[in-house]
Amino acid sequence: MGLFGKKDKYALSKKQLERFNGKNIIYAVERVNGMEQMLGREGGIIVLDDVIVVMCEAHEVFRCKIKGATVAELLSGNGVEISGVDAYTGEKRYVVAHYSYYRKV
């Protein structure tokens, strides 16, 4: 691309991704052919140097590189949708993680 190549307008910066780091989730689902498949319950989202990891029940259910991934918060604010190329299988995956909500009294 050269020195003045186009920047990906959908790519999030490291600072923006830090909002999702350490978020507790109730459950995570994957969209496959218009259907949602349960990946797991009770976990969290971890943002490392170059990867995004979704953990459920102390197991890694999804890992993708930050470069080329799309991360968007749901309109309701109750979760996040992560789409990217799986680090292990090499296929494009769409994972939705729903946040756990703890009300402070």
Protein backbone atom coordinates (compact mmCIF):
# COMPACT_ATOMS: atom_id res chain seq x y z
CA MET A 1 0.00 0.00 0.00
CA GLY A 2 2.85 2.35 0.54
CA LEU A 3 3.38 5.12 2.99
CA PHE A 4 0.05 6.85 2.44
CA GLY A 5 -2.23 3.81 2.01
CA LYS A 6 -5.88 3.75 2.98
CA LYS A 7 -6.72 3.13 6.60
CA ASP A 8 -9.48 0.64 7.45
CA LYS A 9 -12.36 2.85 8.56
CA TYR A 10 -13.97 0.03 10.56
CA ALA A 11 -10.85 -0.91 12.54
CA LEU A 12 -10.95 -0.02 16.22
CA SER A 13 -7.97 1.45 18.01
CA LYS A 14 -6.37 -0.24 20.99
CA LYS A 15 -7.92 2.40 23.28
CA GLN A 16 -11.42 1.67 21.95
CA LEU A 17 -10.93 -2.08 22.39
CA GLU A 18 -9.93 -1.61 26.04
CA ARG A 19 -13.62 -0.87 26.80
CA PHE A 20 -14.40 -4.53 26.16
CA ASN A 21 -11.43 -5.98 28.05
CA GLY A 22 -12.50 -7.72 31.24
CA LYS A 23 -16.25 -7.52 30.55
CA ASN A 24 -18.21 -10.30 32.23
CA ILE A 25 -20.67 -12.10 29.98
CA ILE A 26 -23.76 -14.19 30.73
CA TYR A 27 -23.50 -16.24 27.54
CA ALA A 28 -22.03 -16.25 24.04
CA VAL A 29 -23.68 -17.41 20.84
CA GLU A 30 -22.45 -17.86 17.28
CA ARG A 31 -24.49 -17.04 14.20
CA VAL A 32 -24.37 -19.86 11.65
CA ASN A 33 -26.62 -19.67 8.57
CA GLY A 34 -29.06 -17.32 10.30
CA MET A 35 -29.37 -19.50 13.41
CA GLU A 36 -27.78 -18.90 16.79
CA GLN A 37 -25.75 -21.69 18.35
CA MET A 38 -24.87 -21.52 22.06
CA LEU A 39 -21.11 -21.49 22.71
CA GLY A 40 -21.18 -21.27 26.49
CA ARG A 41 -22.26 -19.44 29.63
CA GLU A 42 -20.58 -17.42 32.41
CA GLY A 43 -17.36 -16.00 31.07
CA GLY A 44 -15.60 -12.91 29.89
CA ILE A 45 -13.93 -11.02 27.04
CA ILE A 46 -10.16 -10.58 27.00
CA VAL A 47 -8.30 -8.19 24.70
CA LEU A 48 -4.59 -9.01 24.45
CA ASP A 49 -1.88 -7.32 22.35
CA ASP A 50 -3.05 -8.67 19.00
CA VAL A 51 -6.01 -10.98 19.71
CA ILE A 52 -9.54 -10.91 21.11
CA VAL A 53 -10.54 -13.92 23.20
CA VAL A 54 -14.02 -14.94 24.39
CA MET A 55 -13.97 -17.32 27.37
CA CYS A 56 -16.96 -19.31 28.67
CA GLU A 57 -16.95 -21.72 31.60
CA ALA A 58 -13.14 -21.45 31.86
CA HIS A 59 -12.72 -22.54 28.21
CA GLU A 60 -11.73 -20.51 25.20
CA VAL A 61 -14.64 -20.53 22.74
CA PHE A 62 -13.40 -17.92 20.24
CA ARG A 63 -10.08 -16.28 19.36
CA CYS A 64 -9.36 -13.93 16.48
CA LYS A 65 -6.71 -11.43 15.52
CA ILE A 66 -7.57 -7.76 16.11
CA LYS A 67 -6.38 -6.90 12.63
CA GLY A 68 -9.26 -7.67 10.30
CA ALA A 69 -11.81 -8.13 13.10
CA THR A 70 -14.98 -6.08 13.50
CA VAL A 71 -16.20 -5.30 17.01
CA ALA A 72 -19.51 -3.51 17.51
CA GLU A 73 -21.62 -2.98 20.60
CA LEU A 74 -25.26 -4.04 20.34
CA LEU A 75 -27.79 -1.21 20.05
CA SER A 76 -29.30 -2.24 23.37
CA GLY A 77 -25.88 -1.87 25.03
CA ASN A 78 -26.26 -5.36 26.54
CA GLY A 79 -23.52 -7.03 24.53
CA VAL A 80 -21.02 -6.98 21.72
CA GLU A 81 -20.76 -8.61 18.30
CA ILE A 82 -17.32 -9.78 17.23
CA SER A 83 -16.66 -10.98 13.72
CA GLY A 84 -13.31 -12.18 12.51
CA VAL A 85 -11.24 -15.04 11.22
CA ASP A 86 -10.87 -17.79 13.83
CA ALA A 87 -7.23 -18.21 14.84
CA TYR A 88 -7.48 -22.02 14.84
CA THR A 89 -9.81 -22.98 11.98
CA GLY A 90 -9.18 -20.05 9.65
CA GLU A 91 -12.90 -19.55 8.90
CA LYS A 92 -14.94 -16.36 9.36
CA ARG A 93 -17.07 -16.47 12.53
CA TYR A 94 -19.71 -14.15 14.03
CA VAL A 95 -19.91 -14.30 17.82
CA VAL A 96 -22.32 -12.34 20.02
CA ALA A 97 -21.46 -12.04 23.71
CA HIS A 98 -24.16 -10.75 26.07
CA TYR A 99 -22.91 -8.82 29.11
CA SER A 100 -23.86 -9.76 32.64
CA TYR A 101 -25.54 -6.84 34.33
CA TYR A 102 -24.88 -6.10 37.97
CA ARG A 103 -27.01 -3.37 39.39
CA LYS A 104 -25.34 -1.33 42.08
CA VAL A 105 -27.69 -0.64 44.99
